[in-house]
Amino acid sequence: MEAEVTHVSKHGFWLLLGDEELSVPFSEFPWFKKATIEQLSEVHRPTANHLYWPQLDVDLAVESIRNPGAFPLVSKTAA
């Protein structure tokens, strides 16, 4: 299964999963905001509902991108 980052802007990025393109806004997924394009682009999809960014050590369920309101986010960042 493949995943591809197709566009990056100051607001987020778009992820192509087969024939479905999903928006990943930085406001909903803040740990991606300071990532480089190289870090964002290295995304693996080991299963249909699992995405992994190894350079960022971020694991996400595809469903959490489709419906972020159903998955409360907790982000721990260094102050």
PDB file of N, CA and C in Angstrom:
ATOM      1  N   MET A   1       0.842  -1.178   0.000  1.00  0.00           N
ATOM      2  CA  MET A   1       0.000   0.000   0.000  1.00  0.00           C
ATOM      3  C   MET A   1       0.884   1.237   0.000  1.00  0.00           C
ATOM      4  N   GLU A   2       0.496   2.203  -0.781  1.00  0.00           N
ATOM      5  CA  GLU A   2       1.325   3.388  -0.905  1.00  0.00           C
ATOM      6  C   GLU A   2       0.641   4.612  -0.330  1.00  0.00           C
ATOM      7  N   ALA A   3       1.480   5.536   0.094  1.00  0.00           N
ATOM      8  CA  ALA A   3       1.045   6.851   0.552  1.00  0.00           C
ATOM      9  C   ALA A   3       2.023   7.852  -0.036  1.00  0.00           C
ATOM     10  N   GLU A   4       1.504   8.983  -0.505  1.00  0.00           N
ATOM     11  CA  GLU A   4       2.364   9.986  -1.130  1.00  0.00           C
ATOM     12  C   GLU A   4       1.904  11.380  -0.725  1.00  0.00           C
ATOM     13  N   VAL A   5       2.841  12.211  -0.309  1.00  0.00           N
ATOM     14  CA  VAL A   5       2.553  13.618  -0.046  1.00  0.00           C
ATOM     15  C   VAL A   5       2.565  14.318  -1.401  1.00  0.00           C
ATOM     16  N   THR A   6       1.454  14.990  -1.735  1.00  0.00           N
ATOM     17  CA  THR A   6       1.334  15.612  -3.056  1.00  0.00           C
ATOM     18  C   THR A   6       1.493  17.119  -3.038  1.00  0.00           C
ATOM     19  N   HIS A   7       1.312  17.748  -1.885  1.00  0.00           N
ATOM     20  CA  HIS A   7       1.394  19.209  -1.801  1.00  0.00           C
ATOM     21  C   HIS A   7       1.643  19.599  -0.351  1.00  0.00           C
ATOM     22  N   VAL A   8       2.469  20.626  -0.160  1.00  0.00           N
ATOM     23  CA  VAL A   8       2.731  21.159   1.180  1.00  0.00           C
ATOM     24  C   VAL A   8       2.536  22.666   1.117  1.00  0.00           C
ATOM     25  N   SER A   9       1.828  23.213   2.096  1.00  0.00           N
ATOM     26  CA  SER A   9       1.657  24.664   2.199  1.00  0.00           C
ATOM     27  C   SER A   9       1.899  25.076   3.644  1.00  0.00           C
ATOM     28  N   LYS A  10       1.779  26.360   3.924  1.00  0.00           N
ATOM     29  CA  LYS A  10       1.961  26.830   5.301  1.00  0.00           C
ATOM     30  C   LYS A  10       0.820  26.381   6.211  1.00  0.00           C
ATOM     31  N   HIS A  11      -0.262  25.873   5.628  1.00  0.00           N
ATOM     32  CA  HIS A  11      -1.427  25.440   6.405  1.00  0.00           C
ATOM     33  C   HIS A  11      -1.471  23.938   6.656  1.00  0.00           C
ATOM     34  N   GLY A  12      -0.719  23.165   5.880  1.00  0.00           N
ATOM     35  CA  GLY A  12      -0.742  21.720   6.035  1.00  0.00           C
ATOM     36  C   GLY A  12      -0.227  21.033   4.786  1.00  0.00           C
ATOM     37  N   PHE A  13      -0.582  19.766   4.643  1.00  0.00           N
ATOM     38  CA  PHE A  13      -0.164  19.029   3.452  1.00  0.00           C
ATOM     39  C   PHE A  13      -1.267  18.078   3.024  1.00  0.00           C
ATOM     40  N   TRP A  14      -1.138  17.592   1.787  1.00  0.00           N
ATOM     41  CA  TRP A  14      -2.118  16.685   1.217  1.00  0.00           C
ATOM     42  C   TRP A  14      -1.454  15.341   0.994  1.00  0.00           C
ATOM     43  N   LEU A  15      -2.199  14.317   1.322  1.00  0.00           N
ATOM     44  CA  LEU A  15      -1.694  12.958   1.304  1.00  0.00           C
ATOM     45  C   LEU A  15      -2.557  12.123   0.366  1.00  0.00           C
ATOM     46  N   LEU A  16      -1.938  11.481  -0.608  1.00  0.00           N
ATOM     47  CA  LEU A  16      -2.646  10.628  -1.555  1.00  0.00           C
ATOM     48  C   LEU A  16      -2.527   9.181  -1.098  1.00  0.00           C
ATOM     49  N   LEU A  17      -3.688   8.567  -0.853  1.00  0.00           N
ATOM     50  CA  LEU A  17      -3.766   7.162  -0.443  1.00  0.00           C
ATOM     51  C   LEU A  17      -4.593   6.435  -1.492  1.00  0.00           C
ATOM     52  N   GLY A  18      -3.928   5.818  -2.442  1.00  0.00           N
ATOM     53  CA  GLY A  18      -4.654   5.191  -3.546  1.00  0.00           C
ATOM     54  C   GLY A  18      -5.349   6.256  -4.367  1.00  0.00           C
ATOM     55  N   ASP A  19      -6.680   6.197  -4.441  1.00  0.00           N
ATOM     56  CA  ASP A  19      -7.439   7.204  -5.186  1.00  0.00           C
ATOM     57  C   ASP A  19      -8.080   8.243  -4.269  1.00  0.00           C
ATOM     58  N   GLU A  20      -7.703   8.250  -3.006  1.00  0.00           N
ATOM     59  CA  GLU A  20      -8.253   9.197  -2.026  1.00  0.00           C
ATOM     60  C   GLU A  20      -7.173  10.199  -1.619  1.00  0.00           C
ATOM     61  N   GLU A  21      -7.502  11.496  -1.683  1.00  0.00           N
ATOM     62  CA  GLU A  21      -6.562  12.520  -1.238  1.00  0.00           C
ATOM     63  C   GLU A  21      -7.108  13.173   0.026  1.00  0.00           C
ATOM     64  N   LEU A  22      -6.275  13.206   1.052  1.00  0.00           N
ATOM     65  CA  LEU A  22      -6.681  13.746   2.347  1.00  0.00           C
ATOM     66  C   LEU A  22      -5.870  14.982   2.689  1.00  0.00           C
ATOM     67  N   SER A  23      -6.526  15.953   3.287  1.00  0.00           N
ATOM     68  CA  SER A  23      -5.861  17.148   3.788  1.00  0.00           C
ATOM     69  C   SER A  23      -5.425  16.891   5.225  1.00  0.00           C
ATOM     70  N   VAL A  24      -4.183  17.274   5.538  1.00  0.00           N
ATOM     71  CA  VAL A  24      -3.644  17.121   6.889  1.00  0.00           C
ATOM     72  C   VAL A  24      -3.269  18.519   7.375  1.00  0.00           C
ATOM     73  N   PRO A  25      -4.223  19.242   7.985  1.00  0.00           N
ATOM     74  CA  PRO A  25      -3.943  20.610   8.423  1.00  0.00           C
ATOM     75  C   PRO A  25      -3.055  20.637   9.672  1.00  0.00           C
ATOM     76  N   PHE A  26      -2.096  21.567   9.689  1.00  0.00           N
ATOM     77  CA  PHE A  26      -1.216  21.691  10.847  1.00  0.00           C
ATOM     78  C   PHE A  26      -1.990  22.075  12.107  1.00  0.00           C
ATOM     79  N   SER A  27      -3.120  22.736  11.954  1.00  0.00           N
ATOM     80  CA  SER A  27      -3.924  23.104  13.128  1.00  0.00           C
ATOM     81  C   SER A  27      -4.470  21.871  13.844  1.00  0.00           C
ATOM     82  N   GLU A  28      -4.720  20.800  13.108  1.00  0.00           N
ATOM     83  CA  GLU A  28      -5.227  19.552  13.685  1.00  0.00           C
ATOM     84  C   GLU A  28      -4.107  18.571  14.035  1.00  0.00           C
ATOM     85  N   PHE A  29      -2.973  18.695  13.344  1.00  0.00           N
ATOM     86  CA  PHE A  29      -1.845  17.770  13.509  1.00  0.00           C
ATOM     87  C   PHE A  29      -0.569  18.586  13.710  1.00  0.00           C
ATOM     88  N   PRO A  30      -0.435  19.240  14.876  1.00  0.00           N
ATOM     89  CA  PRO A  30       0.634  20.230  15.089  1.00  0.00           C
ATOM     90  C   PRO A  30       2.051  19.673  15.047  1.00  0.00           C
ATOM     91  N   TRP A  31       2.241  18.387  15.288  1.00  0.00           N
ATOM     92  CA  TRP A  31       3.600  17.842  15.295  1.00  0.00           C
ATOM     93  C   TRP A  31       4.233  17.831  13.910  1.00  0.00           C
ATOM     94  N   PHE A  32       3.456  18.062  12.857  1.00  0.00           N
ATOM     95  CA  PHE A  32       4.008  18.136  11.504  1.00  0.00           C
ATOM     96  C   PHE A  32       4.434  19.557  11.115  1.00  0.00           C
ATOM     97  N   LYS A  33       4.027  20.556  11.868  1.00  0.00           N
ATOM     98  CA  LYS A  33       4.205  21.955  11.457  1.00  0.00           C
ATOM     99  C   LYS A  33       5.660  22.337  11.196  1.00  0.00           C
ATOM    100  N   LYS A  34       6.584  21.864  11.997  1.00  0.00           N
ATOM    101  CA  LYS A  34       7.991  22.242  11.830  1.00  0.00           C
ATOM    102  C   LYS A  34       8.798  21.200  11.053  1.00  0.00           C
ATOM    103  N   ALA A  35       8.124  20.215  10.521  1.00  0.00           N
ATOM    104  CA  ALA A  35       8.803  19.164   9.755  1.00  0.00           C
ATOM    105  C   ALA A  35       9.257  19.695   8.399  1.00  0.00           C
ATOM    106  N   THR A  36      10.345  19.143   7.900  1.00  0.00           N
ATOM    107  CA  THR A  36      10.803  19.487   6.553  1.00  0.00           C
ATOM    108  C   THR A  36       9.971  18.713   5.526  1.00  0.00           C
ATOM    109  N   ILE A  37      10.057  19.152   4.285  1.00  0.00           N
ATOM    110  CA  ILE A  37       9.357  18.435   3.220  1.00  0.00           C
ATOM    111  C   ILE A  37       9.894  17.009   3.120  1.00  0.00           C
ATOM    112  N   GLU A  38      11.198  16.852   3.295  1.00  0.00           N
ATOM    113  CA  GLU A  38      11.791  15.510   3.260  1.00  0.00           C
ATOM    114  C   GLU A  38      11.199  14.620   4.351  1.00  0.00           C
ATOM    115  N   GLN A  39      11.056  15.166   5.561  1.00  0.00           N
ATOM    116  CA  GLN A  39      10.483  14.388   6.669  1.00  0.00           C
ATOM    117  C   GLN A  39       9.024  14.037   6.405  1.00  0.00           C
ATOM    118  N   LEU A  40       8.256  14.987   5.887  1.00  0.00           N
ATOM    119  CA  LEU A  40       6.845  14.726   5.583  1.00  0.00           C
ATOM    120  C   LEU A  40       6.702  13.688   4.472  1.00  0.00           C
ATOM    121  N   SER A  41       7.594  13.758   3.496  1.00  0.00           N
ATOM    122  CA  SER A  41       7.488  12.894   2.319  1.00  0.00           C
ATOM    123  C   SER A  41       7.829  11.441   2.597  1.00  0.00           C
ATOM    124  N   GLU A  42       8.590  11.190   3.651  1.00  0.00           N
ATOM    125  CA  GLU A  42       8.915   9.800   3.971  1.00  0.00           C
ATOM    126  C   GLU A  42       7.810   9.226   4.851  1.00  0.00           C
ATOM    127  N   VAL A  43       6.756   8.782   4.201  1.00  0.00           N
ATOM    128  CA  VAL A  43       5.607   8.217   4.904  1.00  0.00           C
ATOM    129  C   VAL A  43       5.406   6.782   4.428  1.00  0.00           C
ATOM    130  N   HIS A  44       5.165   5.902   5.372  1.00  0.00           N
ATOM    131  CA  HIS A  44       4.943   4.487   5.075  1.00  0.00           C
ATOM    132  C   HIS A  44       3.505   4.127   5.444  1.00  0.00           C
ATOM    133  N   ARG A  45       2.941   3.197   4.702  1.00  0.00           N
ATOM    134  CA  ARG A  45       1.577   2.726   4.959  1.00  0.00           C
ATOM    135  C   ARG A  45       1.605   1.202   5.092  1.00  0.00           C
ATOM    136  N   PRO A  46       1.981   0.708   6.274  1.00  0.00           N
ATOM    137  CA  PRO A  46       2.112  -0.738   6.447  1.00  0.00           C
ATOM    138  C   PRO A  46       0.792  -1.501   6.348  1.00  0.00           C
ATOM    139  N   THR A  47      -0.308  -0.852   6.710  1.00  0.00           N
ATOM    140  CA  THR A  47      -1.635  -1.455   6.564  1.00  0.00           C
ATOM    141  C   THR A  47      -2.586  -0.394   6.030  1.00  0.00           C
ATOM    142  N   ALA A  48      -3.780  -0.791   5.661  1.00  0.00           N
ATOM    143  CA  ALA A  48      -4.748   0.139   5.074  1.00  0.00           C
ATOM    144  C   ALA A  48      -5.089   1.306   5.999  1.00  0.00           C
ATOM    145  N   ASN A  49      -5.025   1.103   7.312  1.00  0.00           N
ATOM    146  CA  ASN A  49      -5.419   2.160   8.248  1.00  0.00           C
ATOM    147  C   ASN A  49      -4.257   2.666   9.102  1.00  0.00           C
ATOM    148  N   HIS A  50      -3.018   2.426   8.679  1.00  0.00           N
ATOM    149  CA  HIS A  50      -1.879   2.834   9.501  1.00  0.00           C
ATOM    150  C   HIS A  50      -0.855   3.585   8.659  1.00  0.00           C
ATOM    151  N   LEU A  51      -0.488   4.777   9.118  1.00  0.00           N
ATOM    152  CA  LEU A  51       0.552   5.571   8.475  1.00  0.00           C
ATOM    153  C   LEU A  51       1.673   5.802   9.475  1.00  0.00           C
ATOM    154  N   TYR A  52       2.917   5.830   8.972  1.00  0.00           N
ATOM    155  CA  TYR A  52       4.065   6.028   9.849  1.00  0.00           C
ATOM    156  C   TYR A  52       5.098   6.911   9.160  1.00  0.00           C
ATOM    157  N   TRP A  53       5.530   7.942   9.873  1.00  0.00           N
ATOM    158  CA  TRP A  53       6.586   8.839   9.435  1.00  0.00           C
ATOM    159  C   TRP A  53       7.820   8.537  10.282  1.00  0.00           C
ATOM    160  N   PRO A  54       8.766   7.726   9.797  1.00  0.00           N
ATOM    161  CA  PRO A  54       9.898   7.296  10.624  1.00  0.00           C
ATOM    162  C   PRO A  54      10.818   8.427  11.069  1.00  0.00           C
ATOM    163  N   GLN A  55      11.045   9.427  10.230  1.00  0.00           N
ATOM    164  CA  GLN A  55      11.932  10.524  10.625  1.00  0.00           C
ATOM    165  C   GLN A  55      11.328  11.379  11.733  1.00  0.00           C
ATOM    166  N   LEU A  56      10.016  11.346  11.864  1.00  0.00           N
ATOM    167  CA  LEU A  56       9.321  12.134  12.886  1.00  0.00           C
ATOM    168  C   LEU A  56       8.826  11.272  14.038  1.00  0.00           C
ATOM    169  N   ASP A  57       8.904   9.957  13.889  1.00  0.00           N
ATOM    170  CA  ASP A  57       8.381   8.998  14.860  1.00  0.00           C
ATOM    171  C   ASP A  57       6.908   9.275  15.165  1.00  0.00           C
ATOM    172  N   VAL A  58       6.132   9.452  14.094  1.00  0.00           N
ATOM    173  CA  VAL A  58       4.694   9.718  14.201  1.00  0.00           C
ATOM    174  C   VAL A  58       3.936   8.559  13.562  1.00  0.00           C
ATOM    175  N   ASP A  59       3.009   7.991  14.323  1.00  0.00           N
ATOM    176  CA  ASP A  59       2.090   6.954  13.851  1.00  0.00           C
ATOM    177  C   ASP A  59       0.685   7.536  13.872  1.00  0.00           C
ATOM    178  N   LEU A  60      -0.068   7.344  12.805  1.00  0.00           N
ATOM    179  CA  LEU A  60      -1.457   7.809  12.769  1.00  0.00           C
ATOM    180  C   LEU A  60      -2.349   6.764  12.119  1.00  0.00           C
ATOM    181  N   ALA A  61      -3.562   6.687  12.599  1.00  0.00           N
ATOM    182  CA  ALA A  61      -4.591   5.915  11.916  1.00  0.00           C
ATOM    183  C   ALA A  61      -5.140   6.783  10.787  1.00  0.00           C
ATOM    184  N   VAL A  62      -5.353   6.196   9.623  1.00  0.00           N
ATOM    185  CA  VAL A  62      -5.914   6.936   8.495  1.00  0.00           C
ATOM    186  C   VAL A  62      -7.245   7.556   8.898  1.00  0.00           C
ATOM    187  N   GLU A  63      -8.022   6.841   9.673  1.00  0.00           N
ATOM    188  CA  GLU A  63      -9.327   7.344  10.104  1.00  0.00           C
ATOM    189  C   GLU A  63      -9.195   8.629  10.917  1.00  0.00           C
ATOM    190  N   SER A  64      -8.090   8.812  11.631  1.00  0.00           N
ATOM    191  CA  SER A  64      -7.905  10.041  12.414  1.00  0.00           C
ATOM    192  C   SER A  64      -7.702  11.251  11.512  1.00  0.00           C
ATOM    193  N   ILE A  65      -7.231  11.037  10.294  1.00  0.00           N
ATOM    194  CA  ILE A  65      -7.104  12.140   9.334  1.00  0.00           C
ATOM    195  C   ILE A  65      -8.453  12.395   8.674  1.00  0.00           C
ATOM    196  N   ARG A  66      -9.167  11.339   8.347  1.00  0.00           N
ATOM    197  CA  ARG A  66     -10.500  11.494   7.748  1.00  0.00           C
ATOM    198  C   ARG A  66     -11.471  12.180   8.700  1.00  0.00           C
ATOM    199  N   ASN A  67     -11.374  11.871   9.982  1.00  0.00           N
ATOM    200  CA  ASN A  67     -12.328  12.364  10.974  1.00  0.00           C
ATOM    201  C   ASN A  67     -11.593  12.776  12.254  1.00  0.00           C
ATOM    202  N   PRO A  68     -10.817  13.869  12.211  1.00  0.00           N
ATOM    203  CA  PRO A  68     -10.008  14.242  13.375  1.00  0.00           C
ATOM    204  C   PRO A  68     -10.826  14.550  14.624  1.00  0.00           C
ATOM    205  N   GLY A  69     -12.056  14.972  14.469  1.00  0.00           N
ATOM    206  CA  GLY A  69     -12.893  15.277  15.624  1.00  0.00           C
ATOM    207  C   GLY A  69     -13.188  14.069  16.494  1.00  0.00           C
ATOM    208  N   ALA A  70     -13.107  12.887  15.914  1.00  0.00           N
ATOM    209  CA  ALA A  70     -13.378  11.656  16.662  1.00  0.00           C
ATOM    210  C   ALA A  70     -12.152  11.162  17.428  1.00  0.00           C
ATOM    211  N   PHE A  71     -11.013  11.825  17.205  1.00  0.00           N
ATOM    212  CA  PHE A  71      -9.763  11.415  17.840  1.00  0.00           C
ATOM    213  C   PHE A  71      -9.136  12.615  18.538  1.00  0.00           C
ATOM    214  N   PRO A  72      -9.421  12.813  19.828  1.00  0.00           N
ATOM    215  CA  PRO A  72      -8.817  13.951  20.537  1.00  0.00           C
ATOM    216  C   PRO A  72      -7.290  13.852  20.484  1.00  0.00           C
ATOM    217  N   LEU A  73      -6.666  14.966  20.168  1.00  0.00           N
ATOM    218  CA  LEU A  73      -5.217  14.977  20.022  1.00  0.00           C
ATOM    219  C   LEU A  73      -4.536  15.440  21.293  1.00  0.00           C
ATOM    220  N   VAL A  74      -3.452  14.784  21.611  1.00  0.00           N
ATOM    221  CA  VAL A  74      -2.610  15.204  22.721  1.00  0.00           C
ATOM    222  C   VAL A  74      -1.206  15.316  22.164  1.00  0.00           C
ATOM    223  N   SER A  75      -0.682  16.522  22.164  1.00  0.00           N
ATOM    224  CA  SER A  75       0.655  16.749  21.641  1.00  0.00           C
ATOM    225  C   SER A  75       1.551  17.230  22.758  1.00  0.00           C
ATOM    226  N   LYS A  76       2.672  16.535  22.964  1.00  0.00           N
ATOM    227  CA  LYS A  76       3.645  16.955  23.962  1.00  0.00           C
ATOM    228  C   LYS A  76       4.844  17.509  23.216  1.00  0.00           C
ATOM    229  N   THR A  77       5.099  18.795  23.399  1.00  0.00           N
ATOM    230  CA  THR A  77       6.246  19.412  22.746  1.00  0.00           C
ATOM    231  C   THR A  77       7.158  19.998  23.800  1.00  0.00           C
ATOM    232  N   ALA A  78       8.423  20.021  23.495  1.00  0.00           N
ATOM    233  CA  ALA A  78       9.394  20.601  24.433  1.00  0.00           C
ATOM    234  C   ALA A  78       9.212  22.110  24.479  1.00  0.00           C
ATOM    235  N   ALA A  79       9.243  22.644  25.661  1.00  0.00           N
ATOM    236  CA  ALA A  79       9.053  24.094  25.816  1.00  0.00           C
ATOM    237  C   ALA A  79      10.338  24.835  25.545  1.00  0.00           C
TER     238      ALA A  79
END
